[in-house]
């Protein structure tokens, strides 16, 4: 599916997802008249002041005055940006996404995606090097890390040379990395992946 503008994607999501279903995953709601109410997830309270209007597809809390649509709710609830909330809800209803690649979230997002791809490629390289030798593994094990933790966090190892990673990433580095300044040094030995920018 071709990637869509935010507004088009937002409208399709609003048509496919019911705000009541989404909010019910986070808040226990009870029908009262035409709306539903429950305890607000954004502030402590004993008496329900959080209302969801299914017809208008909006929520509002009379206690803390938080309100909005499903995007606003998800952003507040999970600490997401609008593009992240759009992506999460879009994935939920199968719109505008292919595999792990997301739609264009504006200026610079293509560069961000390339940086993440470079980072993932580098991580795979360093992980492969860690399991191919003993120096890095012994160091991490002496520090009390088990193999399950090492794998879970994607830890890797780099030989003590400045260009060890270059042969396997030359094309990617030339097209992406060289345009970016202030890149952390690749000289340190134990590698911890950075999966968000």
C-alpha atoms as a PDB file:
ATOM      1  CA  UNK A   1       0.000   0.000   0.000  1.00  0.00           C
ATOM      2  CA  UNK A   2       1.370   3.411  -0.871  1.00  0.00           C
ATOM      3  CA  UNK A   3       2.171   5.632   2.064  1.00  0.00           C
ATOM      4  CA  UNK A   4      -0.467   8.203   2.891  1.00  0.00           C
ATOM      5  CA  UNK A   5      -0.490  11.689   4.238  1.00  0.00           C
ATOM      6  CA  UNK A   6      -1.131  11.997   7.973  1.00  0.00           C
ATOM      7  CA  UNK A   7      -4.626  13.440   7.515  1.00  0.00           C
ATOM      8  CA  UNK A   8      -5.760  10.694   5.151  1.00  0.00           C
ATOM      9  CA  UNK A   9      -4.319   7.999   7.378  1.00  0.00           C
ATOM     10  CA  UNK A  10      -5.846   9.597  10.472  1.00  0.00           C
ATOM     11  CA  UNK A  11      -9.301   9.654   8.858  1.00  0.00           C
ATOM     12  CA  UNK A  12      -9.069   5.999   7.852  1.00  0.00           C
ATOM     13  CA  UNK A  13      -7.977   5.023  11.366  1.00  0.00           C
ATOM     14  CA  UNK A  14     -10.846   7.007  12.887  1.00  0.00           C
ATOM     15  CA  UNK A  15     -13.260   5.098  10.663  1.00  0.00           C
ATOM     16  CA  UNK A  16     -11.810   1.686  11.522  1.00  0.00           C
ATOM     17  CA  UNK A  17     -11.112   1.935  15.270  1.00  0.00           C
ATOM     18  CA  UNK A  18     -13.730   2.749  17.879  1.00  0.00           C
ATOM     19  CA  UNK A  19     -12.393   5.001  20.625  1.00  0.00           C
ATOM     20  CA  UNK A  20     -14.399   3.023  23.172  1.00  0.00           C
ATOM     21  CA  UNK A  21     -12.612  -0.208  22.232  1.00  0.00           C
ATOM     22  CA  UNK A  22      -9.206   1.474  22.470  1.00  0.00           C
ATOM     23  CA  UNK A  23      -9.778   3.220  25.795  1.00  0.00           C
ATOM     24  CA  UNK A  24     -11.411   0.104  27.275  1.00  0.00           C
ATOM     25  CA  UNK A  25      -8.018  -1.587  27.000  1.00  0.00           C
ATOM     26  CA  UNK A  26      -6.677   0.921  29.546  1.00  0.00           C
ATOM     27  CA  UNK A  27      -9.707   2.022  31.582  1.00  0.00           C
ATOM     28  CA  UNK A  28     -12.647   0.081  33.005  1.00  0.00           C
ATOM     29  CA  UNK A  29     -15.659   1.926  31.607  1.00  0.00           C
ATOM     30  CA  UNK A  30     -19.312   1.718  32.580  1.00  0.00           C
ATOM     31  CA  UNK A  31     -22.203   2.905  30.421  1.00  0.00           C
ATOM     32  CA  UNK A  32     -24.041   5.867  31.947  1.00  0.00           C
ATOM     33  CA  UNK A  33     -26.703   7.319  29.683  1.00  0.00           C
ATOM     34  CA  UNK A  34     -25.254   8.126  26.251  1.00  0.00           C
ATOM     35  CA  UNK A  35     -21.620   8.012  27.365  1.00  0.00           C
ATOM     36  CA  UNK A  36     -19.262   5.745  29.271  1.00  0.00           C
ATOM     37  CA  UNK A  37     -17.342   6.714  32.361  1.00  0.00           C
ATOM     38  CA  UNK A  38     -14.547   5.431  34.539  1.00  0.00           C
ATOM     39  CA  UNK A  39     -11.597   6.478  36.684  1.00  0.00           C
ATOM     40  CA  UNK A  40      -9.242   8.814  34.850  1.00  0.00           C
ATOM     41  CA  UNK A  41      -5.894   7.208  33.965  1.00  0.00           C
ATOM     42  CA  UNK A  42      -4.173  10.610  33.990  1.00  0.00           C
ATOM     43  CA  UNK A  43      -4.741  11.593  37.628  1.00  0.00           C
ATOM     44  CA  UNK A  44      -5.662   9.850  40.883  1.00  0.00           C
ATOM     45  CA  UNK A  45      -9.364   9.928  41.749  1.00  0.00           C
ATOM     46  CA  UNK A  46     -11.933   7.936  43.687  1.00  0.00           C
ATOM     47  CA  UNK A  47     -15.063   9.056  41.846  1.00  0.00           C
ATOM     48  CA  UNK A  48     -15.175   8.516  38.070  1.00  0.00           C
ATOM     49  CA  UNK A  49     -14.913  11.764  36.136  1.00  0.00           C
ATOM     50  CA  UNK A  50     -13.488  10.353  32.884  1.00  0.00           C
ATOM     51  CA  UNK A  51     -16.078  10.187  30.076  1.00  0.00           C
ATOM     52  CA  UNK A  52     -15.977   8.614  26.630  1.00  0.00           C
ATOM     53  CA  UNK A  53     -18.517   9.635  24.009  1.00  0.00           C
ATOM     54  CA  UNK A  54     -18.773   6.878  21.424  1.00  0.00           C
ATOM     55  CA  UNK A  55     -20.919   8.954  19.038  1.00  0.00           C
ATOM     56  CA  UNK A  56     -18.431  11.845  18.927  1.00  0.00           C
ATOM     57  CA  UNK A  57     -15.384   9.539  19.277  1.00  0.00           C
ATOM     58  CA  UNK A  58     -13.979  11.799  22.026  1.00  0.00           C
ATOM     59  CA  UNK A  59     -12.957  11.502  25.672  1.00  0.00           C
ATOM     60  CA  UNK A  60     -12.961  14.122  28.425  1.00  0.00           C
ATOM     61  CA  UNK A  61     -12.083  14.161  32.118  1.00  0.00           C
ATOM     62  CA  UNK A  62     -13.961  16.666  34.249  1.00  0.00           C
ATOM     63  CA  UNK A  63     -11.324  16.262  36.992  1.00  0.00           C
ATOM     64  CA  UNK A  64      -8.089  17.100  35.145  1.00  0.00           C
ATOM     65  CA  UNK A  65      -9.689  18.567  31.986  1.00  0.00           C
ATOM     66  CA  UNK A  66      -7.835  16.188  29.661  1.00  0.00           C
ATOM     67  CA  UNK A  67      -9.694  15.484  26.473  1.00  0.00           C
ATOM     68  CA  UNK A  68      -9.427  14.706  22.810  1.00  0.00           C
ATOM     69  CA  UNK A  69      -9.635  11.912  20.280  1.00  0.00           C
ATOM     70  CA  UNK A  70      -8.058   8.455  20.298  1.00  0.00           C
ATOM     71  CA  UNK A  71      -4.711   9.841  19.122  1.00  0.00           C
ATOM     72  CA  UNK A  72      -4.566  12.301  22.012  1.00  0.00           C
ATOM     73  CA  UNK A  73      -5.487   9.524  24.436  1.00  0.00           C
ATOM     74  CA  UNK A  74      -2.803   7.150  23.157  1.00  0.00           C
ATOM     75  CA  UNK A  75      -0.182   9.919  23.107  1.00  0.00           C
ATOM     76  CA  UNK A  76      -0.920  10.817  26.733  1.00  0.00           C
ATOM     77  CA  UNK A  77      -1.294   7.229  27.889  1.00  0.00           C
ATOM     78  CA  UNK A  78       1.893   5.858  26.333  1.00  0.00           C
ATOM     79  CA  UNK A  79       3.977   9.024  26.004  1.00  0.00           C
ATOM     80  CA  UNK A  80       4.022   8.853  22.211  1.00  0.00           C
ATOM     81  CA  UNK A  81       4.429  11.561  19.606  1.00  0.00           C
ATOM     82  CA  UNK A  82       1.631  12.004  17.070  1.00  0.00           C
ATOM     83  CA  UNK A  83       3.488  10.099  14.312  1.00  0.00           C
ATOM     84  CA  UNK A  84       4.168   7.243  16.753  1.00  0.00           C
ATOM     85  CA  UNK A  85       0.506   7.102  17.809  1.00  0.00           C
ATOM     86  CA  UNK A  86      -0.534   7.252  14.151  1.00  0.00           C
ATOM     87  CA  UNK A  87       1.832   4.383  13.347  1.00  0.00           C
ATOM     88  CA  UNK A  88       0.660   2.267  16.286  1.00  0.00           C
ATOM     89  CA  UNK A  89      -3.024   2.720  15.469  1.00  0.00           C
ATOM     90  CA  UNK A  90      -2.339   2.334  11.742  1.00  0.00           C
ATOM     91  CA  UNK A  91      -0.614  -0.983  12.354  1.00  0.00           C
ATOM     92  CA  UNK A  92      -3.523  -2.037  14.550  1.00  0.00           C
ATOM     93  CA  UNK A  93      -5.938  -1.709  11.651  1.00  0.00           C
ATOM     94  CA  UNK A  94      -3.478  -2.637   8.866  1.00  0.00           C
ATOM     95  CA  UNK A  95      -3.048   0.712   7.116  1.00  0.00           C
ATOM     96  CA  UNK A  96       0.003   2.104   5.330  1.00  0.00           C
ATOM     97  CA  UNK A  97       2.700  -0.200   6.684  1.00  0.00           C
ATOM     98  CA  UNK A  98       4.861  -2.893   5.153  1.00  0.00           C
ATOM     99  CA  UNK A  99       6.924  -5.094   7.473  1.00  0.00           C
ATOM    100  CA  UNK A 100       8.938  -2.987   9.872  1.00  0.00           C
ATOM    101  CA  UNK A 101       9.029   0.025   7.567  1.00  0.00           C
ATOM    102  CA  UNK A 102       6.799   2.913   8.444  1.00  0.00           C
ATOM    103  CA  UNK A 103       5.270   5.698   6.389  1.00  0.00           C
ATOM    104  CA  UNK A 104       7.067   9.003   5.874  1.00  0.00           C
ATOM    105  CA  UNK A 105       6.552  11.080   9.015  1.00  0.00           C
ATOM    106  CA  UNK A 106       7.778  14.317   7.525  1.00  0.00           C
ATOM    107  CA  UNK A 107      11.013  16.028   6.656  1.00  0.00           C
ATOM    108  CA  UNK A 108      14.066  14.109   7.817  1.00  0.00           C
ATOM    109  CA  UNK A 109      12.280  10.835   8.468  1.00  0.00           C
ATOM    110  CA  UNK A 110      13.947   9.168   5.478  1.00  0.00           C
ATOM    111  CA  UNK A 111      17.329  10.078   6.931  1.00  0.00           C
ATOM    112  CA  UNK A 112      16.191   8.815  10.341  1.00  0.00           C
ATOM    113  CA  UNK A 113      15.146   5.496   8.765  1.00  0.00           C
ATOM    114  CA  UNK A 114      18.544   5.202   7.067  1.00  0.00           C
ATOM    115  CA  UNK A 115      20.312   5.895  10.365  1.00  0.00           C
ATOM    116  CA  UNK A 116      18.262   3.187  12.054  1.00  0.00           C
ATOM    117  CA  UNK A 117      19.078   0.750   9.225  1.00  0.00           C
ATOM    118  CA  UNK A 118      22.784   1.537   9.541  1.00  0.00           C
ATOM    119  CA  UNK A 119      22.532   1.088  13.288  1.00  0.00           C
ATOM    120  CA  UNK A 120      20.826  -2.296  12.897  1.00  0.00           C
ATOM    121  CA  UNK A 121      23.448  -3.448  10.390  1.00  0.00           C
ATOM    122  CA  UNK A 122      26.216  -2.335  12.738  1.00  0.00           C
ATOM    123  CA  UNK A 123      24.549  -4.082  15.657  1.00  0.00           C
ATOM    124  CA  UNK A 124      24.361  -7.355  13.714  1.00  0.00           C
ATOM    125  CA  UNK A 125      28.054  -7.023  12.851  1.00  0.00           C
ATOM    126  CA  UNK A 126      29.080  -6.427  16.479  1.00  0.00           C
ATOM    127  CA  UNK A 127      26.838  -9.223  17.805  1.00  0.00           C
ATOM    128  CA  UNK A 128      28.364 -11.639  15.284  1.00  0.00           C
ATOM    129  CA  UNK A 129      31.873 -10.579  16.386  1.00  0.00           C
ATOM    130  CA  UNK A 130      30.967 -11.068  20.066  1.00  0.00           C
ATOM    131  CA  UNK A 131      29.859 -14.675  19.566  1.00  0.00           C
ATOM    132  CA  UNK A 132      32.774 -15.429  17.216  1.00  0.00           C
ATOM    133  CA  UNK A 133      35.437 -14.721  19.853  1.00  0.00           C
ATOM    134  CA  UNK A 134      36.083 -15.128  23.544  1.00  0.00           C
ATOM    135  CA  UNK A 135      37.407 -11.745  24.714  1.00  0.00           C
ATOM    136  CA  UNK A 136      34.107  -9.881  24.727  1.00  0.00           C
ATOM    137  CA  UNK A 137      32.055 -12.843  25.966  1.00  0.00           C
ATOM    138  CA  UNK A 138      34.455 -13.505  28.834  1.00  0.00           C
ATOM    139  CA  UNK A 139      34.406  -9.843  29.812  1.00  0.00           C
ATOM    140  CA  UNK A 140      30.604  -9.685  29.891  1.00  0.00           C
ATOM    141  CA  UNK A 141      30.308 -12.976  31.768  1.00  0.00           C
ATOM    142  CA  UNK A 142      32.853 -11.790  34.366  1.00  0.00           C
ATOM    143  CA  UNK A 143      30.612  -8.734  34.828  1.00  0.00           C
ATOM    144  CA  UNK A 144      27.763 -11.095  35.732  1.00  0.00           C
ATOM    145  CA  UNK A 145      25.823 -11.059  32.475  1.00  0.00           C
ATOM    146  CA  UNK A 146      24.353 -14.359  31.313  1.00  0.00           C
ATOM    147  CA  UNK A 147      23.974 -15.329  27.668  1.00  0.00           C
ATOM    148  CA  UNK A 148      20.224 -14.682  27.809  1.00  0.00           C
ATOM    149  CA  UNK A 149      20.788 -11.057  28.902  1.00  0.00           C
ATOM    150  CA  UNK A 150      23.547 -10.575  26.335  1.00  0.00           C
ATOM    151  CA  UNK A 151      21.188 -11.762  23.585  1.00  0.00           C
ATOM    152  CA  UNK A 152      18.170  -9.868  24.930  1.00  0.00           C
ATOM    153  CA  UNK A 153      19.988  -6.537  24.819  1.00  0.00           C
ATOM    154  CA  UNK A 154      21.840  -7.236  21.575  1.00  0.00           C
ATOM    155  CA  UNK A 155      25.302  -6.642  23.038  1.00  0.00           C
ATOM    156  CA  UNK A 156      28.243  -6.952  20.682  1.00  0.00           C
ATOM    157  CA  UNK A 157      32.010  -6.657  20.453  1.00  0.00           C
ATOM    158  CA  UNK A 158      34.435  -4.727  18.251  1.00  0.00           C
ATOM    159  CA  UNK A 159      38.102  -5.495  17.779  1.00  0.00           C
ATOM    160  CA  UNK A 160      40.500  -2.769  18.852  1.00  0.00           C
ATOM    161  CA  UNK A 161      40.794  -1.241  15.381  1.00  0.00           C
ATOM    162  CA  UNK A 162      39.216   1.831  13.874  1.00  0.00           C
ATOM    163  CA  UNK A 163      38.092   0.238  10.616  1.00  0.00           C
ATOM    164  CA  UNK A 164      36.868  -3.245  11.575  1.00  0.00           C
ATOM    165  CA  UNK A 165      33.292  -2.573  10.571  1.00  0.00           C
ATOM    166  CA  UNK A 166      34.047  -0.683   7.362  1.00  0.00           C
ATOM    167  CA  UNK A 167      34.419  -3.542   4.847  1.00  0.00           C
ATOM    168  CA  UNK A 168      30.954  -4.932   5.551  1.00  0.00           C
ATOM    169  CA  UNK A 169      29.261  -1.533   5.637  1.00  0.00           C
ATOM    170  CA  UNK A 170      31.183   0.489   3.092  1.00  0.00           C
ATOM    171  CA  UNK A 171      28.197   1.143   0.780  1.00  0.00           C
ATOM    172  CA  UNK A 172      25.828   1.994   3.616  1.00  0.00           C
ATOM    173  CA  UNK A 173      28.398   4.182   5.327  1.00  0.00           C
ATOM    174  CA  UNK A 174      29.166   6.098   2.163  1.00  0.00           C
ATOM    175  CA  UNK A 175      25.505   6.797   1.417  1.00  0.00           C
ATOM    176  CA  UNK A 176      24.273   7.570   4.936  1.00  0.00           C
ATOM    177  CA  UNK A 177      26.775   7.999   7.722  1.00  0.00           C
ATOM    178  CA  UNK A 178      29.229  10.368   6.080  1.00  0.00           C
ATOM    179  CA  UNK A 179      26.476  13.006   5.795  1.00  0.00           C
ATOM    180  CA  UNK A 180      25.906  12.988   9.529  1.00  0.00           C
ATOM    181  CA  UNK A 181      28.158  14.735  12.024  1.00  0.00           C
ATOM    182  CA  UNK A 182      28.916  14.025  15.671  1.00  0.00           C
ATOM    183  CA  UNK A 183      28.792  10.237  15.315  1.00  0.00           C
ATOM    184  CA  UNK A 184      29.971   8.395  18.450  1.00  0.00           C
ATOM    185  CA  UNK A 185      33.302   6.648  18.035  1.00  0.00           C
ATOM    186  CA  UNK A 186      33.321   3.064  16.824  1.00  0.00           C
ATOM    187  CA  UNK A 187      36.526   2.407  18.792  1.00  0.00           C
ATOM    188  CA  UNK A 188      35.078   1.203  22.096  1.00  0.00           C
ATOM    189  CA  UNK A 189      34.932  -2.536  22.485  1.00  0.00           C
ATOM    190  CA  UNK A 190      31.611  -3.639  24.008  1.00  0.00           C
ATOM    191  CA  UNK A 191      28.698  -2.391  21.887  1.00  0.00           C
ATOM    192  CA  UNK A 192      25.231  -1.567  23.178  1.00  0.00           C
ATOM    193  CA  UNK A 193      22.649  -0.983  20.426  1.00  0.00           C
ATOM    194  CA  UNK A 194      20.731   2.263  20.119  1.00  0.00           C
ATOM    195  CA  UNK A 195      17.340   1.453  18.589  1.00  0.00           C
ATOM    196  CA  UNK A 196      15.666   4.852  18.744  1.00  0.00           C
ATOM    197  CA  UNK A 197      16.709   8.323  17.719  1.00  0.00           C
END
